[in-house]
């Protein structure tokens, strides 16, 4: 069943992972368990903000959809369109994440080179 898939906690920052694990007594929750908690609750958890919550929902929904192993030909047009829109949103979020990481790497490389020149 899709909802019994483990939540892919490894896709999150250390602080978000710790917050999620803490909410479930140190164990990795299922997708169903993560989705069962309302947004208001998650936003009251330290280290879970709007951005992290949005990503948690997208990842959980994607994991649930991915576990639907029916061939594309067996899905309705509405299901295909919903999956397409969801994947486009996930892709855009990942593109933003990749860009943020690229910028951080360049920043650290620059700071490192400046520090080396000062030595």
PDB file of N, CA and C in Angstrom:
ATOM      1  N   UNK A   1       0.843  -1.185   0.000  1.00  0.00           N
ATOM      2  CA  UNK A   1       0.000   0.000   0.000  1.00  0.00           C
ATOM      3  C   UNK A   1       0.889   1.248   0.000  1.00  0.00           C
ATOM      4  N   UNK A   2       0.528   2.248  -0.786  1.00  0.00           N
ATOM      5  CA  UNK A   2       1.345   3.438  -0.954  1.00  0.00           C
ATOM      6  C   UNK A   2       1.638   4.140   0.362  1.00  0.00           C
ATOM      7  N   UNK A   3       0.666   4.198   1.238  1.00  0.00           N
ATOM      8  CA  UNK A   3       0.838   4.951   2.477  1.00  0.00           C
ATOM      9  C   UNK A   3       1.786   4.270   3.458  1.00  0.00           C
ATOM     10  N   UNK A   4       2.109   2.988   3.232  1.00  0.00           N
ATOM     11  CA  UNK A   4       3.008   2.276   4.141  1.00  0.00           C
ATOM     12  C   UNK A   4       4.463   2.363   3.708  1.00  0.00           C
ATOM     13  N   UNK A   5       4.739   3.120   2.651  1.00  0.00           N
ATOM     14  CA  UNK A   5       6.101   3.351   2.191  1.00  0.00           C
ATOM     15  C   UNK A   5       6.806   4.231   3.218  1.00  0.00           C
ATOM     16  N   UNK A   6       8.063   3.928   3.514  1.00  0.00           N
ATOM     17  CA  UNK A   6       8.830   4.761   4.444  1.00  0.00           C
ATOM     18  C   UNK A   6       9.016   6.156   3.870  1.00  0.00           C
ATOM     19  N   UNK A   7       8.894   7.143   4.721  1.00  0.00           N
ATOM     20  CA  UNK A   7       9.108   8.524   4.304  1.00  0.00           C
ATOM     21  C   UNK A   7      10.597   8.707   4.012  1.00  0.00           C
ATOM     22  N   UNK A   8      10.955   9.257   2.842  1.00  0.00           N
ATOM     23  CA  UNK A   8      12.370   9.404   2.480  1.00  0.00           C
ATOM     24  C   UNK A   8      13.045  10.555   3.233  1.00  0.00           C
ATOM     25  N   UNK A   9      13.319  10.308   4.470  1.00  0.00           N
ATOM     26  CA  UNK A   9      13.835  11.334   5.379  1.00  0.00           C
ATOM     27  C   UNK A   9      15.228  11.838   4.982  1.00  0.00           C
ATOM     28  N   UNK A  10      15.958  11.012   4.257  1.00  0.00           N
ATOM     29  CA  UNK A  10      17.308  11.384   3.838  1.00  0.00           C
ATOM     30  C   UNK A  10      17.368  12.554   2.877  1.00  0.00           C
ATOM     31  N   UNK A  11      16.244  12.971   2.338  1.00  0.00           N
ATOM     32  CA  UNK A  11      16.207  14.079   1.390  1.00  0.00           C
ATOM     33  C   UNK A  11      16.181  15.438   2.073  1.00  0.00           C
ATOM     34  N   UNK A  12      16.255  15.448   3.402  1.00  0.00           N
ATOM     35  CA  UNK A  12      16.104  16.694   4.147  1.00  0.00           C
ATOM     36  C   UNK A  12      17.383  17.042   4.908  1.00  0.00           C
ATOM     37  N   UNK A  13      17.457  18.290   5.326  1.00  0.00           N
ATOM     38  CA  UNK A  13      18.601  18.757   6.103  1.00  0.00           C
ATOM     39  C   UNK A  13      18.668  18.005   7.431  1.00  0.00           C
ATOM     40  N   UNK A  14      19.833  18.031   8.038  1.00  0.00           N
ATOM     41  CA  UNK A  14      20.005  17.335   9.316  1.00  0.00           C
ATOM     42  C   UNK A  14      19.016  17.835  10.363  1.00  0.00           C
ATOM     43  N   UNK A  15      18.825  19.141  10.436  1.00  0.00           N
ATOM     44  CA  UNK A  15      17.914  19.678  11.459  1.00  0.00           C
ATOM     45  C   UNK A  15      16.469  19.237  11.195  1.00  0.00           C
ATOM     46  N   UNK A  16      16.060  19.204   9.928  1.00  0.00           N
ATOM     47  CA  UNK A  16      14.704  18.741   9.604  1.00  0.00           C
ATOM     48  C   UNK A  16      14.575  17.248   9.883  1.00  0.00           C
ATOM     49  N   UNK A  17      15.595  16.464   9.526  1.00  0.00           N
ATOM     50  CA  UNK A  17      15.561  15.017   9.813  1.00  0.00           C
ATOM     51  C   UNK A  17      15.406  14.768  11.303  1.00  0.00           C
ATOM     52  N   UNK A  18      16.189  15.487  12.094  1.00  0.00           N
ATOM     53  CA  UNK A  18      16.121  15.316  13.547  1.00  0.00           C
ATOM     54  C   UNK A  18      14.744  15.686  14.078  1.00  0.00           C
ATOM     55  N   UNK A  19      14.162  16.750  13.550  1.00  0.00           N
ATOM     56  CA  UNK A  19      12.829  17.179  13.992  1.00  0.00           C
ATOM     57  C   UNK A  19      11.783  16.117  13.648  1.00  0.00           C
ATOM     58  N   UNK A  20      11.862  15.582  12.431  1.00  0.00           N
ATOM     59  CA  UNK A  20      10.897  14.555  12.006  1.00  0.00           C
ATOM     60  C   UNK A  20      11.057  13.304  12.855  1.00  0.00           C
ATOM     61  N   UNK A  21      12.299  12.850  13.006  1.00  0.00           N
ATOM     62  CA  UNK A  21      12.543  11.647  13.814  1.00  0.00           C
ATOM     63  C   UNK A  21      12.074  11.843  15.250  1.00  0.00           C
ATOM     64  N   UNK A  22      12.310  13.021  15.789  1.00  0.00           N
ATOM     65  CA  UNK A  22      11.893  13.328  17.157  1.00  0.00           C
ATOM     66  C   UNK A  22      10.378  13.204  17.312  1.00  0.00           C
ATOM     67  N   UNK A  23       9.635  13.629  16.293  1.00  0.00           N
ATOM     68  CA  UNK A  23       8.174  13.554  16.354  1.00  0.00           C
ATOM     69  C   UNK A  23       7.662  12.115  16.342  1.00  0.00           C
ATOM     70  N   UNK A  24       8.496  11.196  15.868  1.00  0.00           N
ATOM     71  CA  UNK A  24       8.079   9.795  15.784  1.00  0.00           C
ATOM     72  C   UNK A  24       8.935   8.900  16.674  1.00  0.00           C
ATOM     73  N   UNK A  25       9.384   9.454  17.765  1.00  0.00           N
ATOM     74  CA  UNK A  25      10.114   8.669  18.759  1.00  0.00           C
ATOM     75  C   UNK A  25      11.418   8.091  18.264  1.00  0.00           C
ATOM     76  N   UNK A  26      12.068   8.763  17.315  1.00  0.00           N
ATOM     77  CA  UNK A  26      13.367   8.316  16.828  1.00  0.00           C
ATOM     78  C   UNK A  26      13.322   7.351  15.658  1.00  0.00           C
ATOM     79  N   UNK A  27      12.120   6.986  15.223  1.00  0.00           N
ATOM     80  CA  UNK A  27      12.027   6.058  14.090  1.00  0.00           C
ATOM     81  C   UNK A  27      11.575   6.798  12.839  1.00  0.00           C
ATOM     82  N   UNK A  28      11.927   6.227  11.698  1.00  0.00           N
ATOM     83  CA  UNK A  28      11.514   6.819  10.430  1.00  0.00           C
ATOM     84  C   UNK A  28      10.027   6.539  10.207  1.00  0.00           C
ATOM     85  N   UNK A  29       9.234   7.579   9.996  1.00  0.00           N
ATOM     86  CA  UNK A  29       7.786   7.379   9.822  1.00  0.00           C
ATOM     87  C   UNK A  29       7.444   6.901   8.414  1.00  0.00           C
ATOM     88  N   UNK A  30       6.212   6.481   8.252  1.00  0.00           N
ATOM     89  CA  UNK A  30       5.715   6.150   6.918  1.00  0.00           C
ATOM     90  C   UNK A  30       5.185   7.431   6.273  1.00  0.00           C
ATOM     91  N   UNK A  31       4.983   7.362   4.971  1.00  0.00           N
ATOM     92  CA  UNK A  31       4.396   8.495   4.247  1.00  0.00           C
ATOM     93  C   UNK A  31       3.039   8.841   4.849  1.00  0.00           C
ATOM     94  N   UNK A  32       2.240   7.824   5.132  1.00  0.00           N
ATOM     95  CA  UNK A  32       0.906   8.043   5.712  1.00  0.00           C
ATOM     96  C   UNK A  32       1.003   8.817   7.024  1.00  0.00           C
ATOM     97  N   UNK A  33       1.959   8.446   7.869  1.00  0.00           N
ATOM     98  CA  UNK A  33       2.095   9.122   9.166  1.00  0.00           C
ATOM     99  C   UNK A  33       2.472  10.590   8.987  1.00  0.00           C
ATOM    100  N   UNK A  34       3.367  10.873   8.064  1.00  0.00           N
ATOM    101  CA  UNK A  34       3.769  12.269   7.829  1.00  0.00           C
ATOM    102  C   UNK A  34       2.586  13.066   7.299  1.00  0.00           C
ATOM    103  N   UNK A  35       1.859  12.484   6.354  1.00  0.00           N
ATOM    104  CA  UNK A  35       0.710  13.192   5.772  1.00  0.00           C
ATOM    105  C   UNK A  35      -0.451  13.336   6.744  1.00  0.00           C
ATOM    106  N   UNK A  36      -0.498  12.481   7.764  1.00  0.00           N
ATOM    107  CA  UNK A  36      -1.627  12.513   8.699  1.00  0.00           C
ATOM    108  C   UNK A  36      -1.569  13.701   9.662  1.00  0.00           C
ATOM    109  N   UNK A  37      -0.397  14.270   9.847  1.00  0.00           N
ATOM    110  CA  UNK A  37      -0.279  15.413  10.758  1.00  0.00           C
ATOM    111  C   UNK A  37      -0.603  16.700  10.010  1.00  0.00           C
ATOM    112  N   UNK A  38      -1.458  17.539  10.566  1.00  0.00           N
ATOM    113  CA  UNK A  38      -1.847  18.774   9.868  1.00  0.00           C
ATOM    114  C   UNK A  38      -0.690  19.782   9.794  1.00  0.00           C
ATOM    115  N   UNK A  39      -0.789  20.647   8.823  1.00  0.00           N
ATOM    116  CA  UNK A  39       0.238  21.677   8.625  1.00  0.00           C
ATOM    117  C   UNK A  39       0.462  22.505   9.887  1.00  0.00           C
ATOM    118  N   UNK A  40      -0.611  22.876  10.536  1.00  0.00           N
ATOM    119  CA  UNK A  40      -0.504  23.685  11.756  1.00  0.00           C
ATOM    120  C   UNK A  40       0.389  22.996  12.792  1.00  0.00           C
ATOM    121  N   UNK A  41       0.231  21.683  12.919  1.00  0.00           N
ATOM    122  CA  UNK A  41       1.054  20.927  13.862  1.00  0.00           C
ATOM    123  C   UNK A  41       2.518  20.969  13.432  1.00  0.00           C
ATOM    124  N   UNK A  42       2.775  20.633  12.153  1.00  0.00           N
ATOM    125  CA  UNK A  42       4.164  20.608  11.679  1.00  0.00           C
ATOM    126  C   UNK A  42       4.831  21.968  11.854  1.00  0.00           C
ATOM    127  N   UNK A  43       4.096  23.034  11.608  1.00  0.00           N
ATOM    128  CA  UNK A  43       4.685  24.375  11.726  1.00  0.00           C
ATOM    129  C   UNK A  43       4.998  24.749  13.171  1.00  0.00           C
ATOM    130  N   UNK A  44       4.446  24.004  14.124  1.00  0.00           N
ATOM    131  CA  UNK A  44       4.772  24.252  15.533  1.00  0.00           C
ATOM    132  C   UNK A  44       6.016  23.477  15.960  1.00  0.00           C
ATOM    133  N   UNK A  45       6.503  22.590  15.111  1.00  0.00           N
ATOM    134  CA  UNK A  45       7.684  21.777  15.416  1.00  0.00           C
ATOM    135  C   UNK A  45       8.933  22.597  15.117  1.00  0.00           C
ATOM    136  N   UNK A  46       9.869  22.687  16.079  1.00  0.00           N
ATOM    137  CA  UNK A  46      11.112  23.418  15.824  1.00  0.00           C
ATOM    138  C   UNK A  46      11.837  22.869  14.593  1.00  0.00           C
ATOM    139  N   UNK A  47      12.392  23.762  13.802  1.00  0.00           N
ATOM    140  CA  UNK A  47      13.147  23.451  12.578  1.00  0.00           C
ATOM    141  C   UNK A  47      12.273  23.005  11.410  1.00  0.00           C
ATOM    142  N   UNK A  48      10.960  23.142  11.537  1.00  0.00           N
ATOM    143  CA  UNK A  48      10.059  22.871  10.416  1.00  0.00           C
ATOM    144  C   UNK A  48       9.339  24.173  10.096  1.00  0.00           C
ATOM    145  N   UNK A  49       9.740  24.785   8.991  1.00  0.00           N
ATOM    146  CA  UNK A  49       9.107  26.022   8.546  1.00  0.00           C
ATOM    147  C   UNK A  49       8.273  25.767   7.296  1.00  0.00           C
ATOM    148  N   UNK A  50       7.790  26.841   6.695  1.00  0.00           N
ATOM    149  CA  UNK A  50       6.946  26.712   5.513  1.00  0.00           C
ATOM    150  C   UNK A  50       7.658  25.995   4.374  1.00  0.00           C
ATOM    151  N   UNK A  51       8.905  26.350   4.135  1.00  0.00           N
ATOM    152  CA  UNK A  51       9.658  25.745   3.031  1.00  0.00           C
ATOM    153  C   UNK A  51       9.858  24.246   3.249  1.00  0.00           C
ATOM    154  N   UNK A  52      10.278  23.891   4.453  1.00  0.00           N
ATOM    155  CA  UNK A  52      10.483  22.467   4.763  1.00  0.00           C
ATOM    156  C   UNK A  52       9.171  21.709   4.701  1.00  0.00           C
ATOM    157  N   UNK A  53       8.114  22.293   5.240  1.00  0.00           N
ATOM    158  CA  UNK A  53       6.807  21.628   5.213  1.00  0.00           C
ATOM    159  C   UNK A  53       6.329  21.423   3.780  1.00  0.00           C
ATOM    160  N   UNK A  54       6.496  22.418   2.950  1.00  0.00           N
ATOM    161  CA  UNK A  54       6.095  22.302   1.551  1.00  0.00           C
ATOM    162  C   UNK A  54       6.848  21.169   0.870  1.00  0.00           C
ATOM    163  N   UNK A  55       8.122  21.094   1.138  1.00  0.00           N
ATOM    164  CA  UNK A  55       8.939  20.020   0.561  1.00  0.00           C
ATOM    165  C   UNK A  55       8.530  18.657   1.130  1.00  0.00           C
ATOM    166  N   UNK A  56       8.233  18.611   2.433  1.00  0.00           N
ATOM    167  CA  UNK A  56       7.781  17.357   3.045  1.00  0.00           C
ATOM    168  C   UNK A  56       6.512  16.854   2.361  1.00  0.00           C
ATOM    169  N   UNK A  57       5.554  17.745   2.132  1.00  0.00           N
ATOM    170  CA  UNK A  57       4.299  17.366   1.488  1.00  0.00           C
ATOM    171  C   UNK A  57       4.557  16.880   0.060  1.00  0.00           C
ATOM    172  N   UNK A  58       5.408  17.601  -0.677  1.00  0.00           N
ATOM    173  CA  UNK A  58       5.703  17.214  -2.057  1.00  0.00           C
ATOM    174  C   UNK A  58       6.391  15.849  -2.108  1.00  0.00           C
ATOM    175  N   UNK A  59       7.357  15.653  -1.226  1.00  0.00           N
ATOM    176  CA  UNK A  59       8.088  14.386  -1.192  1.00  0.00           C
ATOM    177  C   UNK A  59       7.162  13.244  -0.787  1.00  0.00           C
ATOM    178  N   UNK A  60       6.331  13.477   0.218  1.00  0.00           N
ATOM    179  CA  UNK A  60       5.401  12.438   0.676  1.00  0.00           C
ATOM    180  C   UNK A  60       4.405  12.083  -0.422  1.00  0.00           C
ATOM    181  N   UNK A  61       3.859  13.082  -1.078  1.00  0.00           N
ATOM    182  CA  UNK A  61       2.906  12.821  -2.153  1.00  0.00           C
ATOM    183  C   UNK A  61       3.573  12.112  -3.325  1.00  0.00           C
ATOM    184  N   UNK A  62       4.794  12.510  -3.635  1.00  0.00           N
ATOM    185  CA  UNK A  62       5.540  11.862  -4.714  1.00  0.00           C
ATOM    186  C   UNK A  62       5.832  10.404  -4.374  1.00  0.00           C
ATOM    187  N   UNK A  63       6.237  10.155  -3.137  1.00  0.00           N
ATOM    188  CA  UNK A  63       6.519   8.777  -2.710  1.00  0.00           C
ATOM    189  C   UNK A  63       5.260   7.928  -2.783  1.00  0.00           C
ATOM    190  N   UNK A  64       4.137   8.499  -2.403  1.00  0.00           N
ATOM    191  CA  UNK A  64       2.873   7.765  -2.460  1.00  0.00           C
ATOM    192  C   UNK A  64       2.491   7.484  -3.912  1.00  0.00           C
ATOM    193  N   UNK A  65       2.669   8.463  -4.786  1.00  0.00           N
ATOM    194  CA  UNK A  65       2.333   8.274  -6.202  1.00  0.00           C
ATOM    195  C   UNK A  65       3.279   7.297  -6.878  1.00  0.00           C
ATOM    196  N   UNK A  66       4.553   7.368  -6.526  1.00  0.00           N
ATOM    197  CA  UNK A  66       5.554   6.499  -7.133  1.00  0.00           C
ATOM    198  C   UNK A  66       5.277   5.035  -6.821  1.00  0.00           C
ATOM    199  N   UNK A  67       4.670   4.781  -5.678  1.00  0.00           N
ATOM    200  CA  UNK A  67       4.391   3.399  -5.307  1.00  0.00           C
ATOM    201  C   UNK A  67       3.219   2.820  -6.105  1.00  0.00           C
ATOM    202  N   UNK A  68       2.516   3.656  -6.868  1.00  0.00           N
ATOM    203  CA  UNK A  68       1.445   3.173  -7.744  1.00  0.00           C
ATOM    204  C   UNK A  68       2.120   2.618  -8.995  1.00  0.00           C
ATOM    205  N   UNK A  69       2.250   1.310  -9.062  1.00  0.00           N
ATOM    206  CA  UNK A  69       3.017   0.660 -10.118  1.00  0.00           C
ATOM    207  C   UNK A  69       2.212   0.351 -11.374  1.00  0.00           C
ATOM    208  N   UNK A  70       0.975   0.859 -11.465  1.00  0.00           N
ATOM    209  CA  UNK A  70       0.193   0.597 -12.663  1.00  0.00           C
ATOM    210  C   UNK A  70       0.877   1.223 -13.874  1.00  0.00           C
ATOM    211  N   UNK A  71       0.818   0.550 -15.021  1.00  0.00           N
ATOM    212  CA  UNK A  71       1.398   1.160 -16.228  1.00  0.00           C
ATOM    213  C   UNK A  71       0.649   2.442 -16.583  1.00  0.00           C
ATOM    214  N   UNK A  72       1.336   3.358 -17.245  1.00  0.00           N
ATOM    215  CA  UNK A  72       0.716   4.629 -17.612  1.00  0.00           C
ATOM    216  C   UNK A  72      -0.561   4.423 -18.410  1.00  0.00           C
ATOM    217  N   UNK A  73      -0.581   3.423 -19.269  1.00  0.00           N
ATOM    218  CA  UNK A  73      -1.757   3.167 -20.100  1.00  0.00           C
ATOM    219  C   UNK A  73      -2.989   2.816 -19.260  1.00  0.00           C
ATOM    220  N   UNK A  74      -2.778   2.347 -18.027  1.00  0.00           N
ATOM    221  CA  UNK A  74      -3.899   1.963 -17.166  1.00  0.00           C
ATOM    222  C   UNK A  74      -4.439   3.140 -16.357  1.00  0.00           C
ATOM    223  N   UNK A  75      -3.749   4.266 -16.387  1.00  0.00           N
ATOM    224  CA  UNK A  75      -4.178   5.424 -15.610  1.00  0.00           C
ATOM    225  C   UNK A  75      -5.124   6.293 -16.431  1.00  0.00           C
ATOM    226  N   UNK A  76      -6.013   6.983 -15.733  1.00  0.00           N
ATOM    227  CA  UNK A  76      -6.945   7.887 -16.414  1.00  0.00           C
ATOM    228  C   UNK A  76      -6.213   9.155 -16.824  1.00  0.00           C
ATOM    229  N   UNK A  77      -6.807   9.891 -17.731  1.00  0.00           N
ATOM    230  CA  UNK A  77      -6.233  11.159 -18.163  1.00  0.00           C
ATOM    231  C   UNK A  77      -6.064  12.098 -16.973  1.00  0.00           C
ATOM    232  N   UNK A  78      -7.048  12.136 -16.090  1.00  0.00           N
ATOM    233  CA  UNK A  78      -6.982  12.993 -14.901  1.00  0.00           C
ATOM    234  C   UNK A  78      -5.807  12.587 -14.016  1.00  0.00           C
ATOM    235  N   UNK A  79      -5.612  11.282 -13.819  1.00  0.00           N
ATOM    236  CA  UNK A  79      -4.481  10.805 -13.008  1.00  0.00           C
ATOM    237  C   UNK A  79      -3.154  11.184 -13.655  1.00  0.00           C
ATOM    238  N   UNK A  80      -3.061  11.033 -14.971  1.00  0.00           N
ATOM    239  CA  UNK A  80      -1.827  11.383 -15.678  1.00  0.00           C
ATOM    240  C   UNK A  80      -1.536  12.874 -15.568  1.00  0.00           C
ATOM    241  N   UNK A  81      -2.576  13.694 -15.732  1.00  0.00           N
ATOM    242  CA  UNK A  81      -2.391  15.139 -15.638  1.00  0.00           C
ATOM    243  C   UNK A  81      -1.963  15.549 -14.226  1.00  0.00           C
ATOM    244  N   UNK A  82      -2.574  14.945 -13.226  1.00  0.00           N
ATOM    245  CA  UNK A  82      -2.214  15.257 -11.839  1.00  0.00           C
ATOM    246  C   UNK A  82      -0.775  14.841 -11.555  1.00  0.00           C
ATOM    247  N   UNK A  83      -0.405  13.664 -12.023  1.00  0.00           N
ATOM    248  CA  UNK A  83       0.964  13.189 -11.825  1.00  0.00           C
ATOM    249  C   UNK A  83       1.951  14.109 -12.533  1.00  0.00           C
ATOM    250  N   UNK A  84       1.620  14.493 -13.754  1.00  0.00           N
ATOM    251  CA  UNK A  84       2.478  15.399 -14.523  1.00  0.00           C
ATOM    252  C   UNK A  84       2.678  16.720 -13.788  1.00  0.00           C
ATOM    253  N   UNK A  85       1.591  17.326 -13.329  1.00  0.00           N
ATOM    254  CA  UNK A  85       1.690  18.603 -12.620  1.00  0.00           C
ATOM    255  C   UNK A  85       2.499  18.458 -11.338  1.00  0.00           C
ATOM    256  N   UNK A  86       2.265  17.370 -10.634  1.00  0.00           N
ATOM    257  CA  UNK A  86       3.014  17.142  -9.400  1.00  0.00           C
ATOM    258  C   UNK A  86       4.509  16.997  -9.693  1.00  0.00           C
ATOM    259  N   UNK A  87       4.847  16.227 -10.713  1.00  0.00           N
ATOM    260  CA  UNK A  87       6.256  16.016 -11.053  1.00  0.00           C
ATOM    261  C   UNK A  87       6.922  17.300 -11.534  1.00  0.00           C
ATOM    262  N   UNK A  88       6.191  18.121 -12.270  1.00  0.00           N
ATOM    263  CA  UNK A  88       6.734  19.415 -12.707  1.00  0.00           C
ATOM    264  C   UNK A  88       7.044  20.274 -11.482  1.00  0.00           C
ATOM    265  N   UNK A  89       6.122  20.312 -10.522  1.00  0.00           N
ATOM    266  CA  UNK A  89       6.358  21.076  -9.287  1.00  0.00           C
ATOM    267  C   UNK A  89       7.550  20.534  -8.514  1.00  0.00           C
ATOM    268  N   UNK A  90       7.653  19.218  -8.423  1.00  0.00           N
ATOM    269  CA  UNK A  90       8.785  18.597  -7.731  1.00  0.00           C
ATOM    270  C   UNK A  90      10.085  18.926  -8.443  1.00  0.00           C
ATOM    271  N   UNK A  91      10.069  18.847  -9.779  1.00  0.00           N
ATOM    272  CA  UNK A  91      11.267  19.153 -10.560  1.00  0.00           C
ATOM    273  C   UNK A  91      11.708  20.603 -10.330  1.00  0.00           C
ATOM    274  N   UNK A  92      10.772  21.517 -10.327  1.00  0.00           N
ATOM    275  CA  UNK A  92      11.115  22.932 -10.113  1.00  0.00           C
ATOM    276  C   UNK A  92      11.700  23.145  -8.717  1.00  0.00           C
ATOM    277  N   UNK A  93      11.127  22.462  -7.739  1.00  0.00           N
ATOM    278  CA  UNK A  93      11.670  22.552  -6.388  1.00  0.00           C
ATOM    279  C   UNK A  93      13.090  22.001  -6.317  1.00  0.00           C
ATOM    280  N   UNK A  94      13.328  20.893  -6.991  1.00  0.00           N
ATOM    281  CA  UNK A  94      14.667  20.314  -7.021  1.00  0.00           C
ATOM    282  C   UNK A  94      15.646  21.213  -7.766  1.00  0.00           C
ATOM    283  N   UNK A  95      15.178  21.846  -8.836  1.00  0.00           N
ATOM    284  CA  UNK A  95      16.035  22.784  -9.559  1.00  0.00           C
ATOM    285  C   UNK A  95      16.441  23.951  -8.660  1.00  0.00           C
ATOM    286  N   UNK A  96      15.499  24.450  -7.859  1.00  0.00           N
ATOM    287  CA  UNK A  96      15.827  25.525  -6.911  1.00  0.00           C
ATOM    288  C   UNK A  96      16.847  25.038  -5.887  1.00  0.00           C
ATOM    289  N   UNK A  97      16.642  23.815  -5.380  1.00  0.00           N
ATOM    290  CA  UNK A  97      17.577  23.248  -4.404  1.00  0.00           C
ATOM    291  C   UNK A  97      18.970  23.112  -4.997  1.00  0.00           C
ATOM    292  N   UNK A  98      19.046  22.616  -6.229  1.00  0.00           N
ATOM    293  CA  UNK A  98      20.340  22.445  -6.900  1.00  0.00           C
ATOM    294  C   UNK A  98      21.021  23.800  -7.072  1.00  0.00           C
ATOM    295  N   UNK A  99      20.266  24.797  -7.467  1.00  0.00           N
ATOM    296  CA  UNK A  99      20.832  26.137  -7.650  1.00  0.00           C
ATOM    297  C   UNK A  99      21.339  26.708  -6.326  1.00  0.00           C
ATOM    298  N   UNK A 100      20.585  26.522  -5.248  1.00  0.00           N
ATOM    299  CA  UNK A 100      21.037  26.993  -3.937  1.00  0.00           C
ATOM    300  C   UNK A 100      22.340  26.306  -3.530  1.00  0.00           C
ATOM    301  N   UNK A 101      22.428  25.012  -3.782  1.00  0.00           N
ATOM    302  CA  UNK A 101      23.651  24.267  -3.444  1.00  0.00           C
ATOM    303  C   UNK A 101      24.812  24.741  -4.301  1.00  0.00           C
ATOM    304  N   UNK A 102      24.566  24.960  -5.601  1.00  0.00           N
ATOM    305  CA  UNK A 102      25.616  25.449  -6.496  1.00  0.00           C
ATOM    306  C   UNK A 102      26.151  26.795  -6.005  1.00  0.00           C
ATOM    307  N   UNK A 103      25.263  27.688  -5.628  1.00  0.00           N
ATOM    308  CA  UNK A 103      25.662  29.007  -5.130  1.00  0.00           C
ATOM    309  C   UNK A 103      26.472  28.863  -3.844  1.00  0.00           C
ATOM    310  N   UNK A 104      26.021  27.999  -2.933  1.00  0.00           N
ATOM    311  CA  UNK A 104      26.735  27.794  -1.672  1.00  0.00           C
ATOM    312  C   UNK A 104      28.131  27.231  -1.917  1.00  0.00           C
ATOM    313  N   UNK A 105      28.258  26.307  -2.852  1.00  0.00           N
ATOM    314  CA  UNK A 105      29.576  25.741  -3.181  1.00  0.00           C
ATOM    315  C   UNK A 105      30.488  26.832  -3.712  1.00  0.00           C
ATOM    316  N   UNK A 106      29.991  27.626  -4.637  1.00  0.00           N
ATOM    317  CA  UNK A 106      30.814  28.726  -5.184  1.00  0.00           C
ATOM    318  C   UNK A 106      31.215  29.716  -4.095  1.00  0.00           C
ATOM    319  N   UNK A 107      30.277  30.026  -3.204  1.00  0.00           N
ATOM    320  CA  UNK A 107      30.567  30.943  -2.101  1.00  0.00           C
ATOM    321  C   UNK A 107      31.686  30.386  -1.223  1.00  0.00           C
ATOM    322  N   UNK A 108      31.578  29.115  -0.871  1.00  0.00           N
ATOM    323  CA  UNK A 108      32.596  28.504  -0.015  1.00  0.00           C
ATOM    324  C   UNK A 108      33.935  28.404  -0.722  1.00  0.00           C
ATOM    325  N   UNK A 109      33.918  28.097  -2.022  1.00  0.00           N
ATOM    326  CA  UNK A 109      35.174  28.048  -2.785  1.00  0.00           C
ATOM    327  C   UNK A 109      35.828  29.427  -2.801  1.00  0.00           C
ATOM    328  N   UNK A 110      35.013  30.475  -2.997  1.00  0.00           N
ATOM    329  CA  UNK A 110      35.530  31.831  -3.008  1.00  0.00           C
ATOM    330  C   UNK A 110      36.131  32.194  -1.657  1.00  0.00           C
ATOM    331  N   UNK A 111      35.389  31.918  -0.582  1.00  0.00           N
ATOM    332  CA  UNK A 111      35.878  32.228   0.761  1.00  0.00           C
ATOM    333  C   UNK A 111      37.169  31.468   1.056  1.00  0.00           C
ATOM    334  N   UNK A 112      37.228  30.236   0.609  1.00  0.00           N
ATOM    335  CA  UNK A 112      38.419  29.417   0.818  1.00  0.00           C
ATOM    336  C   UNK A 112      39.611  29.993   0.068  1.00  0.00           C
ATOM    337  N   UNK A 113      39.392  30.440  -1.165  1.00  0.00           N
ATOM    338  CA  UNK A 113      40.497  31.000  -1.947  1.00  0.00           C
ATOM    339  C   UNK A 113      40.975  32.326  -1.356  1.00  0.00           C
ATOM    340  N   UNK A 114      40.050  33.126  -0.843  1.00  0.00           N
ATOM    341  CA  UNK A 114      40.432  34.387  -0.193  1.00  0.00           C
ATOM    342  C   UNK A 114      41.245  34.099   1.052  1.00  0.00           C
ATOM    343  N   UNK A 115      40.843  33.128   1.825  1.00  0.00           N
ATOM    344  CA  UNK A 115      41.557  32.757   3.043  1.00  0.00           C
ATOM    345  C   UNK A 115      42.953  32.244   2.710  1.00  0.00           C
ATOM    346  N   UNK A 116      43.074  31.481   1.636  1.00  0.00           N
ATOM    347  CA  UNK A 116      44.380  30.948   1.210  1.00  0.00           C
ATOM    348  C   UNK A 116      45.321  32.089   0.815  1.00  0.00           C
ATOM    349  N   UNK A 117      44.800  33.097   0.141  1.00  0.00           N
ATOM    350  CA  UNK A 117      45.620  34.233  -0.314  1.00  0.00           C
ATOM    351  C   UNK A 117      46.118  35.042   0.871  1.00  0.00           C
ATOM    352  N   UNK A 118      45.381  35.059   1.954  1.00  0.00           N
ATOM    353  CA  UNK A 118      45.767  35.847   3.128  1.00  0.00           C
ATOM    354  C   UNK A 118      46.867  35.158   3.930  1.00  0.00           C
ATOM    355  N   UNK A 119      47.058  33.878   3.703  1.00  0.00           N
ATOM    356  CA  UNK A 119      48.073  33.139   4.484  1.00  0.00           C
ATOM    357  C   UNK A 119      49.455  33.396   4.013  1.00  0.00           C
TER     358      UNK A 119
END
